[in-house]
Amino acid sequence: MAGAGDVLVCDAMNATEQGMFGDVMAS
């Protein structure tokens, strides 16, 4: 849904023992 120029801000409830975003999503 996000558009050009947006910064995705994801509240993951401080769950850090997870890899919720990777290189495919980055591309």
PDB file of all heavy atoms in Angstrom:
ATOM      1  N   MET A   1       0.800  -1.222   0.000  1.00  0.00           N
ATOM      2  CA  MET A   1       0.000   0.000   0.000  1.00  0.00           C
ATOM      3  C   MET A   1       0.833   1.272   0.000  1.00  0.00           C
ATOM      4  O   MET A   1       0.368   2.319  -0.461  1.00  0.00           O
ATOM      5  CB  MET A   1      -0.916  -0.001   1.224  1.00  0.00           C
ATOM      6  CG  MET A   1      -1.932  -1.116   1.225  1.00  0.00           C
ATOM      7  SD  MET A   1      -2.777  -1.293   2.835  1.00  0.00           S
ATOM      8  CE  MET A   1      -3.610   0.285   2.942  1.00  0.00           C
ATOM      9  N   ALA A   2       2.044   1.242   0.529  1.00  0.00           N
ATOM     10  CA  ALA A   2       2.869   2.439   0.656  1.00  0.00           C
ATOM     11  C   ALA A   2       3.258   2.973  -0.711  1.00  0.00           C
ATOM     12  O   ALA A   2       3.355   2.226  -1.694  1.00  0.00           O
ATOM     13  CB  ALA A   2       4.097   2.137   1.495  1.00  0.00           C
ATOM     14  N   GLY A   3       3.510   4.283  -0.747  1.00  0.00           N
ATOM     15  CA  GLY A   3       3.856   4.920  -2.009  1.00  0.00           C
ATOM     16  C   GLY A   3       5.277   5.442  -2.026  1.00  0.00           C
ATOM     17  O   GLY A   3       6.012   5.369  -1.030  1.00  0.00           O
ATOM     18  N   ALA A   4       5.656   5.991  -3.168  1.00  0.00           N
ATOM     19  CA  ALA A   4       6.992   6.555  -3.322  1.00  0.00           C
ATOM     20  C   ALA A   4       7.236   7.635  -2.275  1.00  0.00           C
ATOM     21  O   ALA A   4       6.373   8.483  -2.024  1.00  0.00           O
ATOM     22  CB  ALA A   4       7.152   7.129  -4.724  1.00  0.00           C
ATOM     23  N   GLY A   5       8.407   7.575  -1.646  1.00  0.00           N
ATOM     24  CA  GLY A   5       8.765   8.562  -0.640  1.00  0.00           C
ATOM     25  C   GLY A   5       8.334   8.222   0.769  1.00  0.00           C
ATOM     26  O   GLY A   5       8.725   8.912   1.717  1.00  0.00           O
ATOM     27  N   ASP A   6       7.537   7.165   0.925  1.00  0.00           N
ATOM     28  CA  ASP A   6       7.112   6.753   2.266  1.00  0.00           C
ATOM     29  C   ASP A   6       8.231   5.979   2.966  1.00  0.00           C
ATOM     30  O   ASP A   6       9.026   5.287   2.326  1.00  0.00           O
ATOM     31  CB  ASP A   6       5.879   5.855   2.201  1.00  0.00           C
ATOM     32  CG  ASP A   6       4.612   6.609   1.860  1.00  0.00           C
ATOM     33  OD1 ASP A   6       4.604   7.846   1.985  1.00  0.00           O
ATOM     34  OD2 ASP A   6       3.629   5.962   1.452  1.00  0.00           O
ATOM     35  N   VAL A   7       8.258   6.093   4.285  1.00  0.00           N
ATOM     36  CA  VAL A   7       9.093   5.237   5.121  1.00  0.00           C
ATOM     37  C   VAL A   7       8.177   4.265   5.841  1.00  0.00           C
ATOM     38  O   VAL A   7       7.267   4.679   6.568  1.00  0.00           O
ATOM     39  CB  VAL A   7       9.895   6.052   6.157  1.00  0.00           C
ATOM     40  CG1 VAL A   7      10.618   5.128   7.137  1.00  0.00           C
ATOM     41  CG2 VAL A   7      10.901   6.963   5.463  1.00  0.00           C
ATOM     42  N   LEU A   8       8.382   2.973   5.622  1.00  0.00           N
ATOM     43  CA  LEU A   8       7.623   1.964   6.350  1.00  0.00           C
ATOM     44  C   LEU A   8       8.052   1.974   7.808  1.00  0.00           C
ATOM     45  O   LEU A   8       9.240   1.834   8.110  1.00  0.00           O
ATOM     46  CB  LEU A   8       7.863   0.581   5.751  1.00  0.00           C
ATOM     47  CG  LEU A   8       7.337   0.345   4.333  1.00  0.00           C
ATOM     48  CD1 LEU A   8       7.865  -0.986   3.802  1.00  0.00           C
ATOM     49  CD2 LEU A   8       5.820   0.366   4.303  1.00  0.00           C
ATOM     50  N   VAL A   9       7.101   2.162   8.698  1.00  0.00           N
ATOM     51  CA  VAL A   9       7.376   2.143  10.135  1.00  0.00           C
ATOM     52  C   VAL A   9       6.592   0.984  10.717  1.00  0.00           C
ATOM     53  O   VAL A   9       5.356   1.035  10.808  1.00  0.00           O
ATOM     54  CB  VAL A   9       6.973   3.468  10.809  1.00  0.00           C
ATOM     55  CG1 VAL A   9       7.228   3.395  12.316  1.00  0.00           C
ATOM     56  CG2 VAL A   9       7.734   4.635  10.195  1.00  0.00           C
ATOM     57  N   CYS A  10       7.300  -0.082  11.097  1.00  0.00           N
ATOM     58  CA  CYS A  10       6.643  -1.305  11.553  1.00  0.00           C
ATOM     59  C   CYS A  10       6.862  -1.516  13.046  1.00  0.00           C
ATOM     60  O   CYS A  10       7.983  -1.760  13.492  1.00  0.00           O
ATOM     61  CB  CYS A  10       7.168  -2.508  10.784  1.00  0.00           C
ATOM     62  SG  CYS A  10       6.404  -4.063  11.303  1.00  0.00           S
ATOM     63  N   ASP A  11       5.768  -1.421  13.795  1.00  0.00           N
ATOM     64  CA  ASP A  11       5.800  -1.770  15.215  1.00  0.00           C
ATOM     65  C   ASP A  11       5.655  -3.281  15.320  1.00  0.00           C
ATOM     66  O   ASP A  11       4.590  -3.845  15.100  1.00  0.00           O
ATOM     67  CB  ASP A  11       4.655  -1.068  15.944  1.00  0.00           C
ATOM     68  CG  ASP A  11       4.623  -1.389  17.430  1.00  0.00           C
ATOM     69  OD1 ASP A  11       5.508  -2.139  17.906  1.00  0.00           O
ATOM     70  OD2 ASP A  11       3.711  -0.891  18.117  1.00  0.00           O
ATOM     71  N   ALA A  12       6.767  -3.937  15.641  1.00  0.00           N
ATOM     72  CA  ALA A  12       6.783  -5.398  15.774  1.00  0.00           C
ATOM     73  C   ALA A  12       6.639  -5.825  17.225  1.00  0.00           C
ATOM     74  O   ALA A  12       6.974  -6.958  17.579  1.00  0.00           O
ATOM     75  CB  ALA A  12       8.070  -5.964  15.187  1.00  0.00           C
ATOM     76  N   MET A  13       6.139  -4.897  18.057  1.00  0.00           N
ATOM     77  CA  MET A  13       5.948  -5.164  19.481  1.00  0.00           C
ATOM     78  C   MET A  13       7.259  -5.589  20.152  1.00  0.00           C
ATOM     79  O   MET A  13       7.277  -6.415  21.072  1.00  0.00           O
ATOM     80  CB  MET A  13       4.856  -6.220  19.698  1.00  0.00           C
ATOM     81  CG  MET A  13       3.515  -5.825  19.115  1.00  0.00           C
ATOM     82  SD  MET A  13       2.216  -7.027  19.519  1.00  0.00           S
ATOM     83  CE  MET A  13       0.823  -6.307  18.640  1.00  0.00           C
ATOM     84  N   ASN A  14       8.366  -5.012  19.643  1.00  0.00           N
ATOM     85  CA  ASN A  14       9.699  -5.243  20.212  1.00  0.00           C
ATOM     86  C   ASN A  14      10.139  -6.704  20.137  1.00  0.00           C
ATOM     87  O   ASN A  14      11.007  -7.137  20.903  1.00  0.00           O
ATOM     88  CB  ASN A  14       9.774  -4.732  21.650  1.00  0.00           C
ATOM     89  CG  ASN A  14       9.574  -3.238  21.741  1.00  0.00           C
ATOM     90  OD1 ASN A  14      10.319  -2.469  21.143  1.00  0.00           O
ATOM     91  ND2 ASN A  14       8.546  -2.809  22.463  1.00  0.00           N
ATOM     92  N   ALA A  15       9.559  -7.457  19.207  1.00  0.00           N
ATOM     93  CA  ALA A  15       9.957  -8.857  19.023  1.00  0.00           C
ATOM     94  C   ALA A  15      11.187  -8.890  18.115  1.00  0.00           C
ATOM     95  O   ALA A  15      11.061  -8.738  16.896  1.00  0.00           O
ATOM     96  CB  ALA A  15       8.814  -9.659  18.422  1.00  0.00           C
ATOM     97  N   THR A  16      12.342  -9.066  18.701  1.00  0.00           N
ATOM     98  CA  THR A  16      13.583  -8.974  17.936  1.00  0.00           C
ATOM     99  C   THR A  16      14.135 -10.321  17.500  1.00  0.00           C
ATOM    100  O   THR A  16      15.016 -10.370  16.639  1.00  0.00           O
ATOM    101  CB  THR A  16      14.658  -8.244  18.757  1.00  0.00           C
ATOM    102  OG1 THR A  16      14.833  -8.920  20.011  1.00  0.00           O
ATOM    103  CG2 THR A  16      14.257  -6.801  19.020  1.00  0.00           C
ATOM    104  N   GLU A  17      13.652 -11.431  18.067  1.00  0.00           N
ATOM    105  CA  GLU A  17      14.139 -12.753  17.663  1.00  0.00           C
ATOM    106  C   GLU A  17      13.334 -13.261  16.477  1.00  0.00           C
ATOM    107  O   GLU A  17      12.685 -14.312  16.522  1.00  0.00           O
ATOM    108  CB  GLU A  17      14.062 -13.716  18.847  1.00  0.00           C
ATOM    109  CG  GLU A  17      15.123 -13.457  19.904  1.00  0.00           C
ATOM    110  CD  GLU A  17      16.533 -13.598  19.340  1.00  0.00           C
ATOM    111  OE1 GLU A  17      16.839 -14.645  18.735  1.00  0.00           O
ATOM    112  OE2 GLU A  17      17.322 -12.647  19.485  1.00  0.00           O
ATOM    113  N   GLN A  18      13.373 -12.479  15.399  1.00  0.00           N
ATOM    114  CA  GLN A  18      12.665 -12.820  14.184  1.00  0.00           C
ATOM    115  C   GLN A  18      13.279 -12.025  13.044  1.00  0.00           C
ATOM    116  O   GLN A  18      13.817 -10.942  13.248  1.00  0.00           O
ATOM    117  CB  GLN A  18      11.172 -12.465  14.295  1.00  0.00           C
ATOM    118  CG  GLN A  18      10.923 -10.983  14.577  1.00  0.00           C
ATOM    119  CD  GLN A  18       9.454 -10.648  14.723  1.00  0.00           C
ATOM    120  OE1 GLN A  18       8.620 -11.497  14.959  1.00  0.00           O
ATOM    121  NE2 GLN A  18       9.129  -9.373  14.559  1.00  0.00           N
ATOM    122  N   GLY A  19      13.220 -12.582  11.847  1.00  0.00           N
ATOM    123  CA  GLY A  19      13.646 -11.867  10.653  1.00  0.00           C
ATOM    124  C   GLY A  19      12.430 -11.579   9.799  1.00  0.00           C
ATOM    125  O   GLY A  19      12.117 -12.304   8.867  1.00  0.00           O
ATOM    126  N   MET A  20      11.722 -10.493  10.117  1.00  0.00           N
ATOM    127  CA  MET A  20      10.426 -10.222   9.501  1.00  0.00           C
ATOM    128  C   MET A  20      10.527  -9.490   8.167  1.00  0.00           C
ATOM    129  O   MET A  20       9.525  -9.308   7.474  1.00  0.00           O
ATOM    130  CB  MET A  20       9.562  -9.421  10.465  1.00  0.00           C
ATOM    131  CG  MET A  20      10.102  -8.047  10.784  1.00  0.00           C
ATOM    132  SD  MET A  20       9.125  -7.237  12.064  1.00  0.00           S
ATOM    133  CE  MET A  20       7.490  -7.320  11.347  1.00  0.00           C
ATOM    134  N   PHE A  21      11.724  -9.078   7.793  1.00  0.00           N
ATOM    135  CA  PHE A  21      11.944  -8.344   6.544  1.00  0.00           C
ATOM    136  C   PHE A  21      13.288  -8.787   5.999  1.00  0.00           C
ATOM    137  O   PHE A  21      14.277  -8.831   6.737  1.00  0.00           O
ATOM    138  CB  PHE A  21      11.940  -6.837   6.816  1.00  0.00           C
ATOM    139  CG  PHE A  21      12.031  -5.969   5.594  1.00  0.00           C
ATOM    140  CD1 PHE A  21      10.897  -5.475   4.983  1.00  0.00           C
ATOM    141  CD2 PHE A  21      13.268  -5.623   5.067  1.00  0.00           C
ATOM    142  CE1 PHE A  21      10.983  -4.659   3.862  1.00  0.00           C
ATOM    143  CE2 PHE A  21      13.361  -4.807   3.942  1.00  0.00           C
ATOM    144  CZ  PHE A  21      12.217  -4.318   3.339  1.00  0.00           C
ATOM    145  N   GLY A  22      13.323  -9.132   4.692  1.00  0.00           N
ATOM    146  CA  GLY A  22      14.562  -9.610   4.108  1.00  0.00           C
ATOM    147  C   GLY A  22      14.840  -8.993   2.755  1.00  0.00           C
ATOM    148  O   GLY A  22      14.209  -7.996   2.356  1.00  0.00           O
ATOM    149  N   ASP A  23      15.782  -9.592   2.017  1.00  0.00           N
ATOM    150  CA  ASP A  23      16.247  -8.980   0.780  1.00  0.00           C
ATOM    151  C   ASP A  23      15.195  -8.956  -0.324  1.00  0.00           C
ATOM    152  O   ASP A  23      15.170  -8.024  -1.140  1.00  0.00           O
ATOM    153  CB  ASP A  23      17.527  -9.652   0.296  1.00  0.00           C
ATOM    154  CG  ASP A  23      17.429 -11.167   0.192  1.00  0.00           C
ATOM    155  OD1 ASP A  23      16.324 -11.718   0.364  1.00  0.00           O
ATOM    156  OD2 ASP A  23      18.479 -11.793  -0.046  1.00  0.00           O
ATOM    157  N   VAL A  24      14.293  -9.942  -0.359  1.00  0.00           N
ATOM    158  CA  VAL A  24      13.249  -9.927  -1.391  1.00  0.00           C
ATOM    159  C   VAL A  24      12.301  -8.747  -1.174  1.00  0.00           C
ATOM    160  O   VAL A  24      11.968  -8.011  -2.121  1.00  0.00           O
ATOM    161  CB  VAL A  24      12.462 -11.256  -1.392  1.00  0.00           C
ATOM    162  CG1 VAL A  24      11.286 -11.180  -2.355  1.00  0.00           C
ATOM    163  CG2 VAL A  24      13.379 -12.418  -1.771  1.00  0.00           C
ATOM    164  N   MET A  25      11.883  -8.542   0.067  1.00  0.00           N
ATOM    165  CA  MET A  25      11.015  -7.405   0.377  1.00  0.00           C
ATOM    166  C   MET A  25      11.756  -6.091   0.137  1.00  0.00           C
ATOM    167  O   MET A  25      11.165  -5.098  -0.308  1.00  0.00           O
ATOM    168  CB  MET A  25      10.512  -7.494   1.815  1.00  0.00           C
ATOM    169  CG  MET A  25       9.614  -8.691   2.080  1.00  0.00           C
ATOM    170  SD  MET A  25       9.103  -8.830   3.812  1.00  0.00           S
ATOM    171  CE  MET A  25       7.857  -7.538   3.908  1.00  0.00           C
ATOM    172  N   ALA A  26      13.055  -6.071   0.433  1.00  0.00           N
ATOM    173  CA  ALA A  26      13.846  -4.857   0.208  1.00  0.00           C
ATOM    174  C   ALA A  26      13.889  -4.512  -1.276  1.00  0.00           C
ATOM    175  O   ALA A  26      13.770  -3.343  -1.666  1.00  0.00           O
ATOM    176  CB  ALA A  26      15.258  -5.045   0.756  1.00  0.00           C
ATOM    177  N   SER A  27      14.050  -5.522  -2.128  1.00  0.00           N
ATOM    178  CA  SER A  27      14.059  -5.288  -3.573  1.00  0.00           C
ATOM    179  C   SER A  27      12.712  -4.750  -4.047  1.00  0.00           C
ATOM    180  O   SER A  27      12.645  -3.835  -4.884  1.00  0.00           O
ATOM    181  CB  SER A  27      14.394  -6.583  -4.312  1.00  0.00           C
ATOM    182  OG  SER A  27      15.706  -7.014  -4.020  1.00  0.00           O
TER     183      SER A  27
END
